[in-house]
Every structure is written in C-alpha cells, then in structure tokens.
Amino acid sequence: QVQLVESGGGLVQPGGSLRLSCAASGFTLDFYAIGWFRQAPGKEREGVSCISSSSSDGRTYYSDSVKGRFTISKDNAKNTVYLQMNSLKPEDTAVYYCNAIKWWYNYWGQGTQVTVSS
C-alpha cells in the first residue's frame, strides 16, 4: 500500500526547533521529488522546501520565508525525508504536509500540526 506518513509536529516556543519526518511505504522515496508544504488557517497551501531525486543530484530548494532556518534531507535506508526547522516563528504555525511526485504519480501525507507559541 502506498503511503506517506508525517510525524514530529507539536507545540514549540518561538526560537525553538522541531524535526518533521515523512516516511514512505509502498514506493521508494529516492526516485521521487519530495516537497514539504504547509497550510495555515485561512491561507492557501504553500511550498516550503523540496529535494529532487538522486538522479537529479538531490538538489534542494527553500522558500524565502524559511531559507537559512529550515533544512531538508533524506535517509534512503529509512525511506524517509526530514525537515529540520530551527529558529521557529509564530508565523510558521501551520499543518505541514509532505508530497512525493514523479511523472503522473503524486502522493500526499495526512499532515502534522506545528504550533509556534509562547
């Protein structure tokens, strides 16, 4: 069964850190481009970071709002992609989703809530 499962969300104070995980089953993540998206209440879903497949050199991309604070990485042995989030701000509060895409295959996880608040 093809599945993406996010975990690692929670409540953190401003300036804190969280590491989100996106674990895949039923397919090999390394063959896909993987993206992290987020959606805050009342706002559209936005792209945060992505990493290309290894065949495309695993290049990374970050939105301007998270550049320098977030880092995307993957562990092929665990078939998992991570999003390390540092220096978190209240405006980072959102549901975070991971997405895997290759050709016409497009998979989404169920999301994990991140709340940044004092």
N, C-alpha and C. Protein backbone atom coordinates (compact mmCIF):
# COMPACT_ATOMS: atom_id res chain seq x y z
N GLN A 1 0.85 -1.19 0.00
CA GLN A 1 0.00 0.00 0.00
C GLN A 1 0.89 1.25 0.00
N VAL A 2 0.61 2.16 -0.92
CA VAL A 2 1.39 3.39 -1.00
C VAL A 2 0.93 4.36 0.09
N GLN A 3 1.90 4.86 0.85
CA GLN A 3 1.54 5.73 1.96
C GLN A 3 2.68 6.67 2.30
N LEU A 4 2.33 7.88 2.68
CA LEU A 4 3.27 8.85 3.23
C LEU A 4 2.75 9.24 4.61
N VAL A 5 3.60 9.16 5.61
CA VAL A 5 3.18 9.48 6.97
C VAL A 5 4.12 10.50 7.57
N GLU A 6 3.57 11.67 7.90
CA GLU A 6 4.35 12.71 8.55
C GLU A 6 4.26 12.54 10.07
N SER A 7 5.31 12.96 10.74
CA SER A 7 5.33 12.97 12.19
C SER A 7 6.32 14.02 12.66
N GLY A 8 6.29 14.29 13.95
CA GLY A 8 7.25 15.22 14.53
C GLY A 8 6.71 16.60 14.85
N GLY A 9 5.48 16.86 14.48
CA GLY A 9 4.89 18.15 14.79
C GLY A 9 4.61 18.29 16.28
N GLY A 10 4.23 19.49 16.68
CA GLY A 10 3.91 19.74 18.07
C GLY A 10 3.90 21.20 18.39
N LEU A 11 3.89 21.49 19.67
CA LEU A 11 3.89 22.86 20.17
C LEU A 11 5.31 23.22 20.59
N VAL A 12 5.80 24.35 20.12
CA VAL A 12 7.15 24.78 20.44
C VAL A 12 7.14 26.29 20.64
N GLN A 13 8.03 26.77 21.49
CA GLN A 13 8.13 28.21 21.72
C GLN A 13 8.87 28.89 20.59
N PRO A 14 8.62 30.16 20.38
CA PRO A 14 9.39 30.90 19.36
C PRO A 14 10.89 30.76 19.62
N GLY A 15 11.61 30.56 18.53
CA GLY A 15 13.05 30.33 18.63
C GLY A 15 13.43 28.87 18.78
N GLY A 16 12.45 28.02 19.01
CA GLY A 16 12.72 26.59 19.19
C GLY A 16 12.88 25.86 17.88
N SER A 17 13.03 24.54 18.01
CA SER A 17 13.28 23.68 16.85
C SER A 17 12.37 22.47 16.87
N LEU A 18 12.08 21.97 15.69
CA LEU A 18 11.38 20.70 15.51
C LEU A 18 11.97 20.02 14.29
N ARG A 19 11.90 18.70 14.28
CA ARG A 19 12.26 17.94 13.09
C ARG A 19 11.07 17.11 12.65
N LEU A 20 10.59 17.41 11.47
CA LEU A 20 9.49 16.64 10.89
C LEU A 20 10.04 15.48 10.08
N SER A 21 9.31 14.38 10.10
CA SER A 21 9.68 13.20 9.32
C SER A 21 8.55 12.87 8.35
N CYS A 22 8.94 12.36 7.22
CA CYS A 22 7.98 11.91 6.21
C CYS A 22 8.43 10.52 5.77
N ALA A 23 7.75 9.52 6.26
CA ALA A 23 8.13 8.13 5.99
C ALA A 23 7.25 7.56 4.88
N ALA A 24 7.88 6.94 3.92
CA ALA A 24 7.15 6.37 2.79
C ALA A 24 7.08 4.85 2.90
N SER A 25 5.98 4.31 2.43
CA SER A 25 5.84 2.86 2.29
C SER A 25 5.17 2.56 0.96
N GLY A 26 5.55 1.46 0.37
CA GLY A 26 4.96 1.06 -0.90
C GLY A 26 5.65 1.63 -2.12
N PHE A 27 6.63 2.49 -1.92
CA PHE A 27 7.41 3.02 -3.03
C PHE A 27 8.72 3.56 -2.49
N THR A 28 9.67 3.83 -3.36
CA THR A 28 10.99 4.30 -2.96
C THR A 28 11.07 5.81 -3.10
N LEU A 29 11.22 6.48 -1.97
CA LEU A 29 11.23 7.94 -1.96
C LEU A 29 12.34 8.53 -2.83
N ASP A 30 13.47 7.85 -2.88
CA ASP A 30 14.63 8.41 -3.58
C ASP A 30 14.38 8.58 -5.07
N PHE A 31 13.38 7.92 -5.61
CA PHE A 31 13.08 8.04 -7.03
C PHE A 31 12.15 9.22 -7.34
N TYR A 32 11.72 9.89 -6.28
CA TYR A 32 10.73 10.95 -6.40
C TYR A 32 11.31 12.30 -5.98
N ALA A 33 10.71 13.36 -6.49
CA ALA A 33 10.94 14.68 -5.92
C ALA A 33 10.02 14.80 -4.70
N ILE A 34 10.58 15.26 -3.60
CA ILE A 34 9.83 15.35 -2.35
C ILE A 34 9.72 16.80 -1.93
N GLY A 35 8.52 17.19 -1.59
CA GLY A 35 8.30 18.55 -1.14
C GLY A 35 7.61 18.60 0.21
N TRP A 36 7.94 19.63 0.96
CA TRP A 36 7.21 19.95 2.18
C TRP A 36 6.37 21.20 1.89
N PHE A 37 5.10 21.11 2.25
CA PHE A 37 4.17 22.22 2.09
C PHE A 37 3.57 22.51 3.46
N ARG A 38 2.97 23.68 3.59
CA ARG A 38 2.27 23.99 4.82
C ARG A 38 1.03 24.81 4.51
N GLN A 39 0.06 24.69 5.40
CA GLN A 39 -1.17 25.44 5.25
C GLN A 39 -1.60 25.97 6.60
N ALA A 40 -1.62 27.28 6.71
CA ALA A 40 -2.08 27.94 7.93
C ALA A 40 -3.59 28.19 7.80
N PRO A 41 -4.28 28.34 8.94
CA PRO A 41 -5.72 28.59 8.89
C PRO A 41 -6.06 29.80 8.04
N GLY A 42 -7.00 29.61 7.12
CA GLY A 42 -7.44 30.72 6.29
C GLY A 42 -6.50 31.08 5.16
N LYS A 43 -5.43 30.31 4.99
CA LYS A 43 -4.46 30.61 3.94
C LYS A 43 -4.33 29.43 2.98
N GLU A 44 -3.80 29.73 1.81
CA GLU A 44 -3.58 28.67 0.83
C GLU A 44 -2.34 27.85 1.21
N ARG A 45 -2.32 26.63 0.72
CA ARG A 45 -1.15 25.79 0.94
C ARG A 45 0.04 26.38 0.17
N GLU A 46 1.19 26.41 0.82
CA GLU A 46 2.37 26.98 0.19
C GLU A 46 3.54 26.01 0.27
N GLY A 47 4.39 26.07 -0.73
CA GLY A 47 5.58 25.24 -0.73
C GLY A 47 6.63 25.81 0.21
N VAL A 48 7.28 24.95 0.96
CA VAL A 48 8.28 25.35 1.94
C VAL A 48 9.68 24.93 1.48
N SER A 49 9.80 23.67 1.08
CA SER A 49 11.10 23.15 0.70
C SER A 49 10.91 21.91 -0.14
N CYS A 50 11.88 21.62 -0.98
CA CYS A 50 11.80 20.38 -1.75
C CYS A 50 13.20 19.88 -2.05
N ILE A 51 13.26 18.60 -2.37
CA ILE A 51 14.53 17.96 -2.71
C ILE A 51 14.27 17.06 -3.91
N SER A 52 15.15 17.16 -4.88
CA SER A 52 14.96 16.35 -6.08
C SER A 52 15.43 14.92 -5.83
N SER A 53 15.11 14.05 -6.78
CA SER A 53 15.55 12.67 -6.67
C SER A 53 17.07 12.60 -6.82
N SER A 54 17.64 11.49 -6.40
CA SER A 54 19.09 11.35 -6.51
C SER A 54 19.55 11.40 -7.96
N SER A 55 18.70 10.95 -8.88
CA SER A 55 19.06 11.01 -10.30
C SER A 55 19.16 12.44 -10.79
N SER A 56 18.59 13.36 -10.03
CA SER A 56 18.71 14.79 -10.32
C SER A 56 19.59 15.47 -9.29
N ASP A 57 20.48 14.68 -8.70
CA ASP A 57 21.52 15.20 -7.79
C ASP A 57 21.00 15.65 -6.43
N GLY A 58 19.75 15.34 -6.10
CA GLY A 58 19.26 15.69 -4.77
C GLY A 58 19.33 17.17 -4.47
N ARG A 59 19.06 17.98 -5.45
CA ARG A 59 19.10 19.43 -5.24
C ARG A 59 17.98 19.86 -4.31
N THR A 60 18.24 20.89 -3.54
CA THR A 60 17.28 21.39 -2.57
C THR A 60 16.82 22.79 -2.90
N TYR A 61 15.66 23.11 -2.42
CA TYR A 61 15.06 24.43 -2.63
C TYR A 61 14.34 24.83 -1.36
N TYR A 62 14.40 26.14 -1.06
CA TYR A 62 13.70 26.67 0.12
C TYR A 62 12.96 27.95 -0.27
N SER A 63 11.80 28.12 0.30
CA SER A 63 11.11 29.38 0.10
C SER A 63 11.86 30.47 0.87
N ASP A 64 11.66 31.70 0.46
CA ASP A 64 12.36 32.81 1.11
C ASP A 64 12.02 32.90 2.59
N SER A 65 10.81 32.51 2.94
CA SER A 65 10.37 32.66 4.33
C SER A 65 11.08 31.70 5.29
N VAL A 66 11.67 30.63 4.77
CA VAL A 66 12.32 29.65 5.65
C VAL A 66 13.80 29.48 5.36
N LYS A 67 14.30 30.12 4.32
CA LYS A 67 15.70 29.95 3.92
C LYS A 67 16.62 30.34 5.07
N GLY A 68 17.58 29.50 5.34
CA GLY A 68 18.51 29.75 6.44
C GLY A 68 18.05 29.22 7.78
N ARG A 69 16.78 28.81 7.86
CA ARG A 69 16.25 28.28 9.13
C ARG A 69 15.85 26.81 9.02
N PHE A 70 15.39 26.41 7.85
CA PHE A 70 14.92 25.02 7.64
C PHE A 70 15.93 24.29 6.76
N THR A 71 16.04 22.98 7.00
CA THR A 71 16.90 22.13 6.18
C THR A 71 16.17 20.84 5.85
N ILE A 72 16.13 20.53 4.56
CA ILE A 72 15.52 19.28 4.11
C ILE A 72 16.63 18.26 3.86
N SER A 73 16.34 17.01 4.21
CA SER A 73 17.32 15.95 3.99
C SER A 73 16.57 14.63 3.84
N LYS A 74 17.29 13.62 3.40
CA LYS A 74 16.63 12.31 3.31
C LYS A 74 17.58 11.20 3.71
N ASP A 75 16.98 10.15 4.22
CA ASP A 75 17.71 8.95 4.61
C ASP A 75 17.14 7.81 3.76
N ASN A 76 17.87 7.45 2.71
CA ASN A 76 17.35 6.44 1.79
C ASN A 76 17.19 5.08 2.46
N ALA A 77 18.05 4.78 3.41
CA ALA A 77 17.96 3.49 4.10
C ALA A 77 16.65 3.38 4.89
N LYS A 78 16.16 4.52 5.37
CA LYS A 78 14.91 4.54 6.13
C LYS A 78 13.72 4.95 5.27
N ASN A 79 13.99 5.26 4.00
CA ASN A 79 12.93 5.69 3.08
C ASN A 79 12.14 6.86 3.68
N THR A 80 12.90 7.81 4.22
CA THR A 80 12.31 8.92 4.98
C THR A 80 12.97 10.23 4.59
N VAL A 81 12.16 11.27 4.52
CA VAL A 81 12.65 12.63 4.30
C VAL A 81 12.36 13.43 5.56
N TYR A 82 13.29 14.33 5.89
CA TYR A 82 13.17 15.12 7.10
C TYR A 82 13.12 16.61 6.76
N LEU A 83 12.53 17.35 7.68
CA LEU A 83 12.58 18.81 7.60
C LEU A 83 12.99 19.30 8.98
N GLN A 84 14.23 19.73 9.10
CA GLN A 84 14.72 20.30 10.34
C GLN A 84 14.35 21.77 10.35
N MET A 85 13.62 22.18 11.38
CA MET A 85 13.13 23.54 11.46
C MET A 85 13.72 24.20 12.71
N ASN A 86 14.53 25.21 12.50
CA ASN A 86 15.16 25.95 13.59
C ASN A 86 14.65 27.38 13.62
N SER A 87 14.91 28.04 14.72
CA SER A 87 14.52 29.46 14.87
C SER A 87 13.06 29.67 14.48
N LEU A 88 12.21 28.82 14.99
CA LEU A 88 10.80 28.86 14.60
C LEU A 88 10.14 30.15 15.05
N LYS A 89 9.21 30.61 14.21
CA LYS A 89 8.48 31.85 14.46
C LYS A 89 6.99 31.54 14.54
N PRO A 90 6.21 32.39 15.18
CA PRO A 90 4.75 32.16 15.23
C PRO A 90 4.14 32.01 13.84
N GLU A 91 4.68 32.70 12.87
CA GLU A 91 4.14 32.62 11.50
C GLU A 91 4.46 31.29 10.81
N ASP A 92 5.24 30.45 11.45
CA ASP A 92 5.48 29.11 10.92
C ASP A 92 4.37 28.13 11.33
N THR A 93 3.46 28.60 12.16
CA THR A 93 2.36 27.76 12.60
C THR A 93 1.49 27.34 11.41
N ALA A 94 1.31 26.04 11.26
CA ALA A 94 0.55 25.51 10.12
C ALA A 94 0.50 24.00 10.23
N VAL A 95 -0.32 23.41 9.37
CA VAL A 95 -0.24 21.97 9.15
C VAL A 95 0.78 21.74 8.04
N TYR A 96 1.73 20.87 8.30
CA TYR A 96 2.80 20.59 7.34
C TYR A 96 2.53 19.25 6.66
N TYR A 97 2.66 19.27 5.34
CA TYR A 97 2.40 18.09 4.53
C TYR A 97 3.64 17.75 3.70
N CYS A 98 3.86 16.47 3.50
CA CYS A 98 4.89 16.10 2.53
C CYS A 98 4.22 15.54 1.28
N ASN A 99 4.92 15.69 0.18
CA ASN A 99 4.41 15.31 -1.13
C ASN A 99 5.51 14.63 -1.92
N ALA A 100 5.15 13.55 -2.60
CA ALA A 100 6.10 12.85 -3.45
C ALA A 100 5.54 12.84 -4.86
N ILE A 101 6.35 13.23 -5.83
CA ILE A 101 5.85 13.33 -7.19
C ILE A 101 6.88 12.82 -8.18
N LYS A 102 6.41 12.05 -9.14
CA LYS A 102 7.23 11.56 -10.25
C LYS A 102 6.29 11.21 -11.39
N TRP A 103 6.53 11.83 -12.54
CA TRP A 103 5.64 11.63 -13.68
C TRP A 103 4.19 11.90 -13.26
N TRP A 104 3.30 10.93 -13.44
CA TRP A 104 1.90 11.14 -13.08
C TRP A 104 1.60 10.63 -11.67
N TYR A 105 2.59 10.16 -10.94
CA TYR A 105 2.39 9.72 -9.57
C TYR A 105 2.54 10.92 -8.63
N ASN A 106 1.55 11.09 -7.76
CA ASN A 106 1.52 12.25 -6.88
C ASN A 106 0.90 11.82 -5.56
N TYR A 107 1.71 11.74 -4.51
CA TYR A 107 1.24 11.25 -3.22
C TYR A 107 1.36 12.33 -2.16
N TRP A 108 0.35 12.36 -1.26
CA TRP A 108 0.36 13.31 -0.15
C TRP A 108 0.22 12.56 1.16
N GLY A 109 0.83 13.11 2.20
CA GLY A 109 0.61 12.60 3.54
C GLY A 109 -0.60 13.29 4.15
N GLN A 110 -0.90 12.91 5.38
CA GLN A 110 -2.10 13.42 6.06
C GLN A 110 -1.83 14.73 6.80
N GLY A 111 -0.56 15.07 6.96
CA GLY A 111 -0.21 16.32 7.62
C GLY A 111 0.12 16.16 9.09
N THR A 112 0.93 17.09 9.58
CA THR A 112 1.26 17.14 11.01
C THR A 112 1.23 18.60 11.45
N GLN A 113 0.61 18.85 12.59
CA GLN A 113 0.41 20.22 13.07
C GLN A 113 1.67 20.74 13.75
N VAL A 114 2.07 21.93 13.37
CA VAL A 114 3.16 22.64 14.04
C VAL A 114 2.59 23.94 14.58
N THR A 115 2.75 24.15 15.87
CA THR A 115 2.26 25.37 16.52
C THR A 115 3.43 26.03 17.24
N VAL A 116 3.69 27.28 16.87
CA VAL A 116 4.77 28.04 17.49
C VAL A 116 4.13 29.15 18.31
N SER A 117 4.25 29.01 19.61
CA SER A 117 3.57 29.95 20.51
C SER A 117 4.24 29.93 21.87
N SER A 118 4.21 31.09 22.52
CA SER A 118 4.73 31.16 23.88
C SER A 118 3.60 30.97 24.89
